[in-house]
Amino acid sequence: MPAPVIVWFRQDLRLADNPALSLAAASGAPVIPLFVLEEGGRPLGGASRWWLHHALARLAGSLAALGSPLVLRRGEPAAVLDALIAETGADTVLWNRRYEPDAVAVDSAIKAGLRERGLTVRSHNAALLFEPWEIRNKSGDPFRVFTPFWRACLGAPPPPRPLPAPVSLTSPAKPVTGDALDGWGLPPTKPDWAGGLREAWVPGEAAAREGLLDFLDGPVATYGGDRDRPGIDGTSRLSPHLRFGEIGPRQVWHAARHAADARPGAAPGVDAFLREIGWREFSVHLLHANPGLPDTPLDPRFAAFPWTDDAAAAGAWRRGRTGYPIVDAGMRQLWETGWMHNRVRMIAASFLIKDLLQPWQTGEAWFWDTLVDADAANNAAGWQWVAGCGADAAPFFRVFNPILQGEKFDPDGAYVRRFVPELAKLPDAWIHKPWQAPPAVLCAAGVTIGRDYPAPIIDHALARDRALAAFKAVKGEGG
C-alpha cells in the first residue's frame, strides 16, 4: 500500500472545492484528514470557538462517511505533523493556503522543513478567487483602493470552476487516534451563553450550500437595495460559512453567475452581491500586503490620534445601552446571535470611534470575540475603513448620524423593535429618537427614559464637533 497522505484542514472545512482533499483522493493513497487546534497566534474568540466545534463535528461526519475519519490533535502544528508522520509513515502533506501573517510564517517554515526531509508538500488556493500576487496595479504593487482592485478582478480570467467532492477516501491500514472533540472545550458551558447562536445558525457545509441556493433563488434579485435594510432578511448570511471555509468563493462566484444567467432580472443584485465578495477578497489581499493591519493604522497619522479613555462609555456600547436605538439594536443582535447586519456594523463602529472617540482597536477586539464570522482581514479592514485610517477609507469627517441612519435604513423600526423590545410600542416617528418623544407618547408606549431605556450617553452634535476637532489636530490643521 502506498504511504499515507496527510490533508491538513484549517480554514477549509468542506469536501467540495477542496483542492488539497481532491488531490489526496486522486492519488489512491490512504488519506489522513487532520485538524490541529493550534497553540500560539491570536486565540479564537468565544463565538468562533462555538462555530468551530460544530463545523468540525459536521466535517468529521462527512469524512467518516467517505471512509477516512478526521484526526483531531492540538499543539504546535510542526510538532503535531512530525509526530503523525512518524506514526504513520506518511510521505506527503497537503493543505490549502492561509493568508494571515502569523499563519503564513508557520506554513512557510513547516513547508521548508518537511521538504528538507524529503517529504512532498503542496499548498493550494481554496479561500480566494485570485491569489494576492495575481491581482496587482499597473506598477506591480498591491491595490490600496477597492474600485480599481475589483475592476482588475472582473477583467481577469474567471476563477476556475469548483471541484466536486470526492466520492470516497482510502483509510490507513491502521487506525490513527486523535483527541475527542468534546475534550477541547470549545463551546461555552458555565455559563452557556450560546443559546442565541444555536437558534440563529446551523454550521457546516450542507447548511452553507443550502443557504447560498436559497439566497440565489430569492433575495438576490433585490439585494442591491435590501442589503442596507437590517429589518429585512435580504442578505446571504454566508459570512461565517466563508470564514470557516464551509463554502468557497469559487462556489459562490459560479453559482451566482449561473443565477444571473437563469434569472436576468437578478443580474444587478448578483453584481452587487459579488462586489461584497470582492470586498472580502480585497481585505485578504490588503492583510497579505500589510501584516500590521489588525492593530496598526495604515495611515500613520492616526498613530497619534487623541483617543479618549472612557471605560464606561465603551461598556455601554458593548452592552447596547448607548441610548441610540439603531446602535443598541446592532450591539444586542451581535451578543444574541454572534452576527450583526453590515450596515449596522458601520453605524455602530462610527459611533464608537467618532462619537465616543474610542480607538478602533477596541471595537475590532470586541468583534473578534463576539462575531461568528470574525475574520482577521475583514474585521480589521472594516474597522480601519470606518476610522478613516485604512486603505480606501471613508474620510474621518464622514460621521454617521445614528438617528438619521436609523430613520433611513430602518424606517419602520422593525430592526429596533426586534432587538430593543422595550421600545417596541413607540410609533415609527420616535423609534430612533425616543428621548425626544412627547411625554404622552412615551407613557402610551410604556417607556420611561432613564429607567426602561437609557438617555443618550452623549450628544451626537457635540460629539461630532469634538471628533472633527481631533481629526484636524492629527492632520496638523490646528485644534
Protein backbone atom coordinates (compact mmCIF):
# COMPACT_ATOMS: atom_id res chain seq x y z
CA MET A 1 0.00 0.00 0.00
CA PRO A 2 1.35 3.48 -0.80
CA ALA A 3 2.46 5.71 2.03
CA PRO A 4 -0.40 7.78 3.50
CA VAL A 5 -1.15 11.35 2.52
CA ILE A 6 -1.96 13.86 5.26
CA VAL A 7 -4.55 16.51 4.39
CA TRP A 8 -4.20 19.30 6.93
CA PHE A 9 -7.56 21.08 7.25
CA ARG A 10 -7.55 24.65 8.57
CA GLN A 11 -9.96 27.27 7.18
CA ASP A 12 -11.41 24.92 4.57
CA LEU A 13 -13.85 22.74 6.50
CA ARG A 14 -15.60 21.24 3.49
CA LEU A 15 -15.36 18.40 0.98
CA ALA A 16 -16.37 20.16 -2.24
CA ASP A 17 -13.97 22.52 -3.99
CA ASN A 18 -11.19 21.46 -1.65
CA PRO A 19 -8.08 21.15 -3.85
CA ALA A 20 -5.91 19.53 -1.18
CA LEU A 21 -8.51 16.87 -0.43
CA SER A 22 -9.23 16.25 -4.11
CA LEU A 23 -5.55 15.72 -4.87
CA ALA A 24 -5.21 13.31 -1.96
CA ALA A 25 -8.26 11.34 -3.06
CA ALA A 26 -7.00 11.15 -6.65
CA SER A 27 -3.63 9.78 -5.52
CA GLY A 28 -5.20 6.47 -4.47
CA ALA A 29 -3.10 6.52 -1.31
CA PRO A 30 -4.56 6.24 2.18
CA VAL A 31 -5.73 9.65 3.34
CA ILE A 32 -5.35 11.01 6.87
CA PRO A 33 -7.54 14.09 7.32
CA LEU A 34 -6.09 16.20 10.13
CA PHE A 35 -7.21 19.26 12.05
CA VAL A 36 -4.86 20.86 14.55
CA LEU A 37 -6.13 23.11 17.33
CA GLU A 38 -3.11 25.36 17.20
CA GLU A 39 -1.25 26.82 20.13
CA GLY A 40 0.15 30.28 19.54
CA GLY A 41 -1.12 33.14 17.44
CA ARG A 42 -4.25 35.08 18.23
CA PRO A 43 -6.73 32.92 20.15
CA LEU A 44 -10.14 32.45 18.61
CA GLY A 45 -12.95 34.48 20.10
CA GLY A 46 -15.75 32.82 22.02
CA ALA A 47 -18.29 32.87 19.19
CA SER A 48 -15.75 31.48 16.72
CA ARG A 49 -14.89 28.68 19.12
CA TRP A 50 -18.57 27.71 19.27
CA TRP A 51 -18.79 27.68 15.47
CA LEU A 52 -15.57 25.73 15.06
CA HIS A 53 -16.83 22.97 17.36
CA HIS A 54 -19.94 22.38 15.30
CA ALA A 55 -18.17 22.81 11.97
CA LEU A 56 -15.64 20.15 12.95
CA ALA A 57 -18.37 17.81 14.13
CA ARG A 58 -20.09 18.02 10.74
CA LEU A 59 -16.84 17.72 8.80
CA ALA A 60 -15.90 14.65 10.84
CA GLY A 61 -19.21 13.05 9.96
CA SER A 62 -18.76 13.76 6.27
CA LEU A 63 -15.21 12.39 6.19
CA ALA A 64 -16.19 9.28 8.10
CA ALA A 65 -18.91 8.65 5.52
CA LEU A 66 -16.25 8.80 2.79
CA GLY A 67 -14.16 6.20 4.59
CA SER A 68 -11.43 8.15 6.41
CA PRO A 69 -12.18 9.70 9.82
CA LEU A 70 -10.96 13.15 10.82
CA VAL A 71 -7.99 13.11 13.21
CA LEU A 72 -8.04 15.85 15.84
CA ARG A 73 -4.87 16.90 17.59
CA ARG A 74 -3.82 20.01 19.45
CA GLY A 75 -0.47 21.68 19.85
CA GLU A 76 2.19 23.38 17.78
CA PRO A 77 1.49 22.36 14.16
CA ALA A 78 5.05 21.40 13.20
CA ALA A 79 5.33 19.11 16.20
CA VAL A 80 1.91 17.58 15.56
CA LEU A 81 2.78 16.88 11.93
CA ASP A 82 6.16 15.43 12.85
CA ALA A 83 4.54 13.04 15.31
CA LEU A 84 1.85 11.99 12.85
CA ILE A 85 4.40 11.39 10.09
CA ALA A 86 6.49 9.26 12.43
CA GLU A 87 3.44 7.23 13.49
CA THR A 88 2.03 6.58 10.04
CA GLY A 89 4.92 6.76 7.58
CA ALA A 90 3.14 9.46 5.60
CA ASP A 91 5.31 10.92 2.86
CA THR A 92 3.04 13.71 1.59
CA VAL A 93 1.36 16.65 3.34
CA LEU A 94 -1.26 18.73 1.52
CA TRP A 95 -3.09 21.85 2.64
CA ASN A 96 -4.95 24.90 1.38
CA ARG A 97 -3.29 28.23 1.96
CA ARG A 98 -3.92 30.75 4.71
CA TYR A 99 -3.06 34.43 4.39
CA GLU A 100 -2.83 35.86 7.92
CA PRO A 101 0.78 36.92 8.67
CA ASP A 102 1.30 34.53 11.60
CA ALA A 103 -0.22 31.64 9.65
CA VAL A 104 1.90 32.36 6.57
CA ALA A 105 5.04 32.27 8.72
CA VAL A 106 4.02 28.96 10.31
CA ASP A 107 3.11 27.35 6.99
CA SER A 108 6.27 28.54 5.24
CA ALA A 109 8.51 27.16 7.97
CA ILE A 110 6.70 23.82 8.00
CA LYS A 111 6.82 23.51 4.22
CA ALA A 112 10.55 24.22 4.13
CA GLY A 113 11.32 21.82 6.98
CA LEU A 114 9.35 18.91 5.55
CA ARG A 115 10.80 19.35 2.09
CA GLU A 116 14.31 19.33 3.52
CA ARG A 117 13.49 15.89 4.92
CA GLY A 118 12.36 14.66 1.53
CA LEU A 119 8.61 14.81 2.01
CA THR A 120 6.24 16.09 -0.65
CA VAL A 121 4.39 19.23 0.45
CA ARG A 122 1.89 21.09 -1.68
CA SER A 123 -0.36 24.02 -0.88
CA HIS A 124 -3.37 25.23 -2.85
CA ASN A 125 -5.79 28.12 -3.13
CA ALA A 126 -9.19 27.28 -1.71
CA ALA A 127 -10.07 30.57 0.01
CA LEU A 128 -9.82 33.24 -2.69
CA LEU A 129 -10.96 33.97 -6.20
CA PHE A 130 -7.47 35.23 -7.01
CA GLU A 131 -4.17 34.96 -5.18
CA PRO A 132 -2.76 38.22 -3.77
CA TRP A 133 0.17 38.07 -6.18
CA GLU A 134 -2.14 37.66 -9.18
CA ILE A 135 -4.03 40.96 -8.88
CA ARG A 136 -1.71 43.99 -8.98
CA ASN A 137 -1.89 47.56 -10.20
CA LYS A 138 -0.04 48.86 -13.25
CA SER A 139 3.08 49.41 -11.15
CA GLY A 140 3.03 45.80 -9.97
CA ASP A 141 2.05 46.76 -6.43
CA PRO A 142 -0.95 45.64 -4.36
CA PHE A 143 -4.05 47.78 -4.75
CA ARG A 144 -4.93 50.21 -1.97
CA VAL A 145 -8.31 51.27 -3.38
CA PHE A 146 -11.18 48.86 -3.81
CA THR A 147 -12.83 50.02 -7.04
CA PRO A 148 -9.79 49.59 -9.31
CA PHE A 149 -8.99 46.36 -7.47
CA TRP A 150 -12.41 44.94 -8.23
CA ARG A 151 -12.23 46.21 -11.81
CA ALA A 152 -8.97 44.28 -12.20
CA CYS A 153 -10.59 41.16 -10.77
CA LEU A 154 -13.52 41.41 -13.17
CA GLY A 155 -11.09 41.90 -16.05
CA ALA A 156 -9.04 38.83 -15.18
CA PRO A 157 -9.89 35.34 -16.46
CA PRO A 158 -12.73 33.97 -14.35
CA PRO A 159 -11.79 31.80 -11.37
CA PRO A 160 -11.66 28.05 -12.01
CA ARG A 161 -14.86 26.09 -11.64
CA PRO A 162 -15.22 24.46 -8.25
CA LEU A 163 -14.10 20.89 -7.79
CA PRO A 164 -16.62 18.20 -6.87
CA ALA A 165 -16.37 16.48 -3.53
CA PRO A 166 -14.54 13.14 -3.55
CA VAL A 167 -16.85 10.13 -3.61
CA SER A 168 -14.64 8.03 -1.36
CA LEU A 169 -11.33 8.02 0.53
CA THR A 170 -8.96 5.19 1.35
CA SER A 171 -8.31 4.92 5.04
CA PRO A 172 -4.93 3.94 6.55
CA ALA A 173 -4.46 0.25 7.28
CA LYS A 174 -4.00 1.05 10.95
CA PRO A 175 -6.50 3.47 12.54
CA VAL A 176 -4.99 6.80 13.59
CA THR A 177 -6.01 8.04 17.01
CA GLY A 178 -6.76 11.63 17.93
CA ASP A 179 -8.46 13.79 20.50
CA ALA A 180 -12.17 13.73 21.27
CA LEU A 181 -13.77 16.95 20.03
CA ASP A 182 -15.74 17.40 23.25
CA GLY A 183 -12.48 17.30 25.17
CA TRP A 184 -11.36 20.55 23.56
CA GLY A 185 -14.00 22.53 25.42
CA LEU A 186 -14.72 24.89 22.53
CA PRO A 187 -18.38 25.75 23.26
CA PRO A 188 -19.24 27.71 26.42
CA THR A 189 -20.62 25.75 29.37
CA LYS A 190 -20.59 27.77 32.60
CA PRO A 191 -22.42 29.87 31.69
CA ASP A 192 -23.74 28.57 28.40
CA TRP A 193 -24.38 31.83 26.57
CA ALA A 194 -24.71 30.24 23.13
CA GLY A 195 -28.48 29.72 23.06
CA GLY A 196 -28.96 32.58 20.63
CA LEU A 197 -26.23 31.22 18.37
CA ARG A 198 -27.85 27.79 18.30
CA GLU A 199 -31.17 29.38 17.40
CA ALA A 200 -29.70 31.57 14.64
CA TRP A 201 -27.20 29.26 12.93
CA VAL A 202 -26.52 25.78 11.60
CA PRO A 203 -22.77 25.45 10.91
CA GLY A 204 -21.48 23.06 8.27
CA GLU A 205 -21.02 22.57 4.56
CA ALA A 206 -24.58 21.40 3.89
CA ALA A 207 -26.10 24.45 5.57
CA ALA A 208 -23.73 26.73 3.65
CA ARG A 209 -24.71 25.20 0.32
CA GLU A 210 -28.41 25.37 1.16
CA GLY A 211 -28.08 28.98 2.31
CA LEU A 212 -26.41 30.02 -0.93
CA LEU A 213 -29.05 28.35 -3.09
CA ASP A 214 -31.91 29.83 -1.06
CA PHE A 215 -30.38 33.29 -1.38
CA LEU A 216 -29.86 32.97 -5.12
CA ASP A 217 -33.39 31.64 -5.60
CA GLY A 218 -34.93 34.62 -3.84
CA PRO A 219 -33.40 37.64 -2.08
CA VAL A 220 -30.53 38.20 -4.52
CA ALA A 221 -32.91 39.84 -7.00
CA THR A 222 -33.48 42.78 -4.64
CA TYR A 223 -30.13 42.61 -2.87
CA GLY A 224 -28.91 45.94 -4.22
CA GLY A 225 -31.39 47.84 -2.06
CA ASP A 226 -32.37 45.37 0.63
CA ARG A 227 -28.80 44.73 1.76
CA ASP A 228 -28.87 48.08 3.59
CA ARG A 229 -32.14 47.34 5.42
CA PRO A 230 -31.40 45.45 8.65
CA GLY A 231 -35.10 44.85 9.30
CA ILE A 232 -35.38 42.83 6.07
CA ASP A 233 -33.97 39.34 5.55
CA GLY A 234 -32.19 40.48 2.42
CA THR A 235 -28.60 39.24 2.76
CA SER A 236 -26.98 35.86 2.21
CA ARG A 237 -25.66 35.38 5.78
CA LEU A 238 -22.84 33.35 4.27
CA SER A 239 -20.05 35.21 6.07
CA PRO A 240 -19.38 32.65 8.84
CA HIS A 241 -19.53 29.79 6.34
CA LEU A 242 -16.96 31.59 4.19
CA ARG A 243 -14.81 32.39 7.20
CA PHE A 244 -14.52 28.72 8.16
CA GLY A 245 -14.35 27.53 4.57
CA GLU A 246 -17.59 25.56 4.66
CA ILE A 247 -18.14 27.07 1.25
CA GLY A 248 -15.57 28.64 -1.05
CA PRO A 249 -15.71 31.86 -3.06
CA ARG A 250 -15.38 29.97 -6.35
CA GLN A 251 -18.54 28.08 -5.50
CA VAL A 252 -20.27 31.35 -4.69
CA TRP A 253 -18.99 33.06 -7.84
CA HIS A 254 -20.09 30.40 -10.31
CA ALA A 255 -23.42 29.73 -8.60
CA ALA A 256 -24.17 33.47 -8.62
CA ARG A 257 -23.21 33.83 -12.28
CA HIS A 258 -25.45 30.89 -13.12
CA ALA A 259 -28.31 32.52 -11.20
CA ALA A 260 -27.83 35.75 -13.15
CA ASP A 261 -27.99 33.82 -16.44
CA ALA A 262 -31.07 31.90 -15.34
CA ARG A 263 -32.84 34.98 -13.92
CA PRO A 264 -31.85 38.03 -15.97
CA GLY A 265 -33.78 40.29 -13.63
CA ALA A 266 -31.48 39.19 -10.82
CA ALA A 267 -28.30 40.30 -12.59
CA PRO A 268 -27.99 43.70 -10.82
CA GLY A 269 -28.43 42.02 -7.44
CA VAL A 270 -25.87 39.36 -8.35
CA ASP A 271 -23.38 42.04 -9.35
CA ALA A 272 -23.92 43.86 -6.04
CA PHE A 273 -23.56 40.60 -4.13
CA LEU A 274 -20.35 39.60 -5.89
CA ARG A 275 -18.99 43.06 -5.21
CA GLU A 276 -19.34 42.26 -1.50
CA ILE A 277 -17.48 39.01 -2.09
CA GLY A 278 -14.90 41.24 -3.76
CA TRP A 279 -14.58 43.38 -0.63
CA ARG A 280 -13.83 40.20 1.33
CA GLU A 281 -11.21 39.36 -1.27
CA PHE A 282 -9.75 42.88 -1.14
CA SER A 283 -9.44 42.67 2.65
CA VAL A 284 -7.42 39.45 2.45
CA HIS A 285 -5.14 40.92 -0.21
CA LEU A 286 -4.74 44.01 1.96
CA LEU A 287 -3.77 41.97 5.03
CA HIS A 288 -1.34 39.88 2.99
CA ALA A 289 0.44 43.07 1.89
CA ASN A 290 0.14 44.83 5.28
CA PRO A 291 0.73 42.36 8.13
CA GLY A 292 0.07 45.01 10.80
CA LEU A 293 -3.49 45.63 9.61
CA PRO A 294 -5.29 44.19 12.69
CA ASP A 295 -3.74 46.64 15.14
CA THR A 296 -1.76 49.32 13.29
CA PRO A 297 -3.38 52.12 11.26
CA LEU A 298 -2.38 52.10 7.62
CA ASP A 299 -2.41 55.90 7.74
CA PRO A 300 0.47 56.57 10.16
CA ARG A 301 -1.00 59.91 11.23
CA PHE A 302 -3.60 58.00 13.23
CA ALA A 303 -0.93 56.53 15.49
CA ALA A 304 -1.02 59.89 17.30
CA PHE A 305 -4.81 60.30 17.32
CA PRO A 306 -6.06 61.72 20.66
CA TRP A 307 -8.37 58.88 21.63
CA THR A 308 -10.18 59.09 24.97
CA ASP A 309 -10.05 56.54 27.77
CA ASP A 310 -13.67 56.06 28.81
CA ALA A 311 -14.32 52.53 30.02
CA ALA A 312 -17.90 53.37 31.00
CA ALA A 313 -18.76 54.62 27.51
CA ALA A 314 -17.12 51.60 25.86
CA GLY A 315 -19.01 49.32 28.23
CA ALA A 316 -22.34 50.95 27.38
CA TRP A 317 -21.55 50.45 23.70
CA ARG A 318 -20.76 46.75 24.21
CA ARG A 319 -23.99 46.18 26.17
CA GLY A 320 -26.20 48.06 23.72
CA ARG A 321 -27.03 50.78 26.25
CA THR A 322 -25.90 53.94 24.44
CA GLY A 323 -29.37 55.48 24.17
CA TYR A 324 -29.24 55.43 20.39
CA PRO A 325 -31.63 52.63 19.29
CA ILE A 326 -30.02 51.65 15.97
CA VAL A 327 -26.61 51.31 17.66
CA ASP A 328 -28.05 49.40 20.60
CA ALA A 329 -30.04 47.08 18.34
CA GLY A 330 -26.88 46.18 16.48
CA MET A 331 -24.85 45.51 19.59
CA ARG A 332 -27.61 43.36 21.06
CA GLN A 333 -28.00 41.45 17.81
CA LEU A 334 -24.27 40.78 17.97
CA TRP A 335 -24.40 39.50 21.53
CA GLU A 336 -27.52 37.41 20.94
CA THR A 337 -26.72 35.87 17.56
CA GLY A 338 -22.97 36.31 17.04
CA TRP A 339 -23.61 38.39 13.93
CA MET A 340 -24.55 41.93 13.01
CA HIS A 341 -26.04 43.34 9.83
CA ASN A 342 -23.31 45.03 7.79
CA ARG A 343 -24.99 48.44 7.58
CA VAL A 344 -25.36 48.46 11.34
CA ARG A 345 -21.74 47.35 11.78
CA MET A 346 -20.74 50.60 10.11
CA ILE A 347 -23.13 52.67 12.22
CA ALA A 348 -22.03 51.03 15.48
CA ALA A 349 -18.36 51.35 14.56
CA SER A 350 -18.73 55.01 13.65
CA PHE A 351 -20.43 55.66 16.98
CA LEU A 352 -17.66 54.03 19.00
CA ILE A 353 -14.86 55.71 17.07
CA LYS A 354 -16.26 59.14 16.31
CA ASP A 355 -18.98 59.82 18.87
CA LEU A 356 -17.15 58.21 21.77
CA LEU A 357 -13.58 58.76 20.48
CA GLN A 358 -12.62 55.23 21.42
CA PRO A 359 -9.76 53.60 19.49
CA TRP A 360 -10.90 51.45 16.61
CA GLN A 361 -8.80 48.59 18.02
CA THR A 362 -11.24 48.42 20.95
CA GLY A 363 -14.08 47.67 18.57
CA GLU A 364 -12.01 45.30 16.48
CA ALA A 365 -11.20 43.25 19.58
CA TRP A 366 -14.86 43.10 20.68
CA PHE A 367 -15.99 41.99 17.24
CA TRP A 368 -13.21 39.41 17.18
CA ASP A 369 -14.57 37.84 20.35
CA THR A 370 -18.28 38.04 19.60
CA LEU A 371 -18.69 37.50 15.83
CA VAL A 372 -19.17 34.01 14.43
CA ASP A 373 -17.66 35.38 11.21
CA ALA A 374 -14.67 37.01 12.93
CA ASP A 375 -12.05 37.10 10.20
CA ALA A 376 -8.69 38.78 10.69
CA ALA A 377 -8.71 40.53 7.32
CA ASN A 378 -12.33 41.61 7.05
CA ASN A 379 -12.63 42.63 10.68
CA ALA A 380 -9.55 44.83 10.66
CA ALA A 381 -10.18 46.28 7.20
CA GLY A 382 -13.73 47.18 8.13
CA TRP A 383 -12.74 48.94 11.33
CA GLN A 384 -9.92 50.83 9.64
CA TRP A 385 -12.30 51.84 6.84
CA VAL A 386 -14.77 53.38 9.28
CA ALA A 387 -11.97 55.01 11.28
CA GLY A 388 -10.64 56.67 8.14
CA CYS A 389 -7.14 55.29 8.61
CA GLY A 390 -7.22 52.27 6.29
CA ALA A 391 -6.96 51.63 2.59
CA ASP A 392 -9.82 53.04 0.54
CA ALA A 393 -11.06 54.50 3.81
CA ALA A 394 -14.16 56.53 4.43
CA PRO A 395 -12.91 60.02 5.32
CA PHE A 396 -12.80 60.62 9.03
CA PHE A 397 -15.10 63.60 8.68
CA ARG A 398 -17.84 61.25 7.49
CA VAL A 399 -19.56 60.77 10.83
CA PHE A 400 -22.72 58.69 10.74
CA ASN A 401 -25.67 60.32 12.47
CA PRO A 402 -27.27 57.38 14.30
CA ILE A 403 -30.71 58.98 14.24
CA LEU A 404 -30.73 59.69 10.52
CA GLN A 405 -29.14 56.33 9.72
CA GLY A 406 -31.87 54.58 11.67
CA GLU A 407 -34.64 56.56 10.01
CA LYS A 408 -33.20 55.93 6.55
CA PHE A 409 -32.39 52.24 6.78
CA ASP A 410 -34.90 51.06 9.41
CA PRO A 411 -37.77 53.41 8.61
CA ASP A 412 -40.48 51.29 10.19
CA GLY A 413 -38.32 50.43 13.20
CA ALA A 414 -38.62 46.67 12.58
CA TYR A 415 -34.98 46.05 13.42
CA VAL A 416 -35.01 48.16 16.58
CA ARG A 417 -38.26 46.57 17.76
CA ARG A 418 -36.72 43.12 17.31
CA PHE A 419 -33.59 43.75 19.36
CA VAL A 420 -34.64 46.63 21.64
CA PRO A 421 -38.07 45.32 22.63
CA GLU A 422 -38.55 47.89 25.40
CA LEU A 423 -39.14 50.43 22.61
CA ALA A 424 -41.43 48.19 20.54
CA LYS A 425 -44.61 50.19 21.19
CA LEU A 426 -43.20 53.53 20.14
CA PRO A 427 -44.53 54.99 16.87
CA ASP A 428 -42.21 54.97 13.86
CA ALA A 429 -41.68 58.72 14.17
CA TRP A 430 -39.99 58.33 17.56
CA ILE A 431 -38.46 54.87 17.49
CA HIS A 432 -34.98 56.21 16.59
CA LYS A 433 -35.08 59.21 18.96
CA PRO A 434 -37.18 58.15 21.94
CA TRP A 435 -35.77 60.80 24.26
CA GLN A 436 -37.39 63.45 22.02
CA ALA A 437 -40.83 61.83 22.09
CA PRO A 438 -43.62 63.76 23.83
CA PRO A 439 -44.36 62.53 27.38
CA ALA A 440 -47.80 61.27 26.34
CA VAL A 441 -46.24 59.14 23.56
CA LEU A 442 -43.69 57.68 25.95
CA CYS A 443 -46.39 56.97 28.53
CA ALA A 444 -48.57 55.20 25.95
CA ALA A 445 -45.61 53.07 24.90
CA GLY A 446 -44.73 52.21 28.50
CA VAL A 447 -41.30 53.84 28.23
CA THR A 448 -39.60 55.98 30.84
CA ILE A 449 -36.28 57.33 29.59
CA GLY A 450 -33.58 56.61 32.13
CA ARG A 451 -35.49 53.67 33.59
CA ASP A 452 -36.70 51.43 30.76
CA TYR A 453 -34.22 52.72 28.20
CA PRO A 454 -31.19 54.97 28.73
CA ALA A 455 -30.92 58.57 27.67
CA PRO A 456 -28.20 59.15 25.07
CA ILE A 457 -24.80 58.83 26.71
CA ILE A 458 -23.50 61.67 24.54
CA ASP A 459 -25.00 64.40 22.38
CA HIS A 460 -24.27 63.45 18.80
CA ALA A 461 -23.86 67.01 17.51
CA LEU A 462 -21.33 67.86 20.22
CA ALA A 463 -19.57 64.53 19.72
CA ARG A 464 -19.26 65.17 16.00
CA ASP A 465 -17.67 68.57 16.60
CA ARG A 466 -15.24 67.01 19.07
CA ALA A 467 -14.29 64.26 16.63
CA LEU A 468 -13.68 66.69 13.78
CA ALA A 469 -11.53 68.90 16.01
CA ALA A 470 -9.43 65.89 16.98
CA PHE A 471 -9.05 64.92 13.34
CA LYS A 472 -7.90 68.43 12.41
CA ALA A 473 -5.28 68.23 15.14
CA VAL A 474 -3.96 64.96 13.73
CA LYS A 475 -3.80 66.45 10.25
CA GLY A 476 -1.82 69.38 11.62
CA GLU A 477 -4.56 71.90 10.92
CA GLY A 478 -4.74 73.23 14.46
CA GLY A 479 -7.05 72.20 17.26
